[in-house]
Protein backbone atom coordinates (compact mmCIF):
# COMPACT_ATOMS: atom_id res chain seq x y z
CA MET A 1 88.55 18.89 -33.33
CA ALA A 2 85.16 18.98 -35.05
CA GLU A 3 82.71 21.60 -33.86
CA SER A 4 79.03 20.87 -33.77
CA THR A 5 76.00 21.53 -31.68
CA THR A 6 73.69 18.87 -30.42
CA THR A 7 69.98 18.70 -30.98
CA GLU A 8 68.27 20.42 -28.10
CA GLN A 9 64.86 21.76 -27.30
CA ARG A 10 64.55 25.25 -25.84
CA THR A 11 61.91 26.38 -23.40
CA THR A 12 60.14 27.90 -26.40
CA GLY A 13 59.67 24.38 -27.73
CA GLU A 14 61.91 25.09 -30.70
CA GLN A 15 63.93 22.08 -31.85
CA ARG A 16 67.55 22.67 -32.88
CA PRO A 17 69.09 20.56 -35.64
CA ASP A 18 72.59 19.16 -35.40
CA LEU A 19 74.79 21.83 -37.00
CA ASP A 20 78.21 21.03 -38.37
CA LEU A 21 80.31 24.13 -37.75
CA THR A 22 83.56 22.70 -39.12
CA ARG A 23 83.08 24.44 -42.48
CA ALA A 24 81.39 27.57 -41.16
CA GLN A 25 82.57 30.86 -42.64
CA TRP A 26 83.41 32.73 -39.43
CA GLN A 27 83.53 36.50 -39.66
CA PRO A 28 84.14 39.27 -37.16
CA SER A 29 81.02 40.76 -35.67
CA GLY A 30 80.24 44.43 -36.01
CA GLN A 31 83.16 46.54 -37.12
CA ALA A 32 85.83 43.88 -36.47
CA VAL A 33 86.30 45.18 -32.94
CA GLY A 34 86.39 42.63 -30.13
CA ASP A 35 86.74 38.92 -29.86
CA VAL A 36 83.36 37.71 -31.14
CA GLN A 37 82.90 35.93 -34.47
CA ILE A 38 79.64 34.90 -36.11
CA ALA A 39 78.69 32.44 -38.84
CA PHE A 40 75.43 31.82 -40.68
CA VAL A 41 74.75 28.07 -40.90
CA ASP A 42 71.57 26.40 -42.16
CA GLY A 43 69.36 29.35 -41.21
CA PHE A 44 70.89 29.77 -37.75
CA ILE A 45 73.49 32.20 -36.40
CA ALA A 46 76.44 30.80 -34.48
CA MET A 47 78.63 32.97 -32.26
CA ARG A 48 82.02 32.08 -30.78
CA ASP A 49 85.06 33.57 -29.08
CA ARG A 50 87.76 34.38 -31.66
CA ARG A 51 90.49 33.55 -29.13
CA SER A 52 89.09 30.05 -28.60
CA PRO A 53 87.98 28.78 -32.03
CA ASP A 54 87.83 25.16 -30.86
CA GLY A 55 85.61 26.10 -27.93
CA PRO A 56 81.83 26.02 -27.90
CA ALA A 57 79.61 28.22 -30.01
CA VAL A 58 76.26 29.69 -29.02
CA VAL A 59 73.60 29.09 -31.67
CA PHE A 60 70.64 31.42 -32.19
CA SER A 61 67.53 31.12 -34.31
CA PRO A 62 66.86 34.26 -36.39
CA GLY A 63 64.27 35.47 -33.86
CA GLU A 64 66.59 34.89 -30.93
CA TRP A 65 69.38 36.72 -32.76
CA ARG A 66 67.15 39.74 -33.39
CA GLY A 67 66.17 39.83 -29.72
CA PHE A 68 69.78 39.47 -28.60
CA MET A 69 70.95 42.25 -30.92
CA LEU A 70 68.18 44.63 -29.80
CA ARG A 71 69.03 44.07 -26.14
CA ALA A 72 72.76 44.45 -26.81
CA ARG A 73 72.15 47.75 -28.61
CA ASP A 74 70.10 48.93 -25.64
CA GLY A 75 73.06 48.18 -23.35
CA GLU A 76 71.42 45.33 -21.47
CA PHE A 77 74.62 43.29 -21.46
CA ASP A 78 77.07 46.08 -20.69
CA LEU A 79 79.30 45.18 -17.77
CA THR A 80 80.40 48.72 -16.97
């Protein structure tokens, strides 16, 4: 099953290109703890669930990734 994202426009007005993730070099995030993998593709950062590699990936622009990482470090997404 080929993975790709479709072209979409975010509320910020930013246009996303079609990204072919079939040849992405997926790597564990952080210190290889957890089920998240990331890949750097054509200037974007893709994130997926390691347990479901054929599932969807979330794609971030560099600015969105920085914002996501800052909020994650501040504990904004903690469920406990």
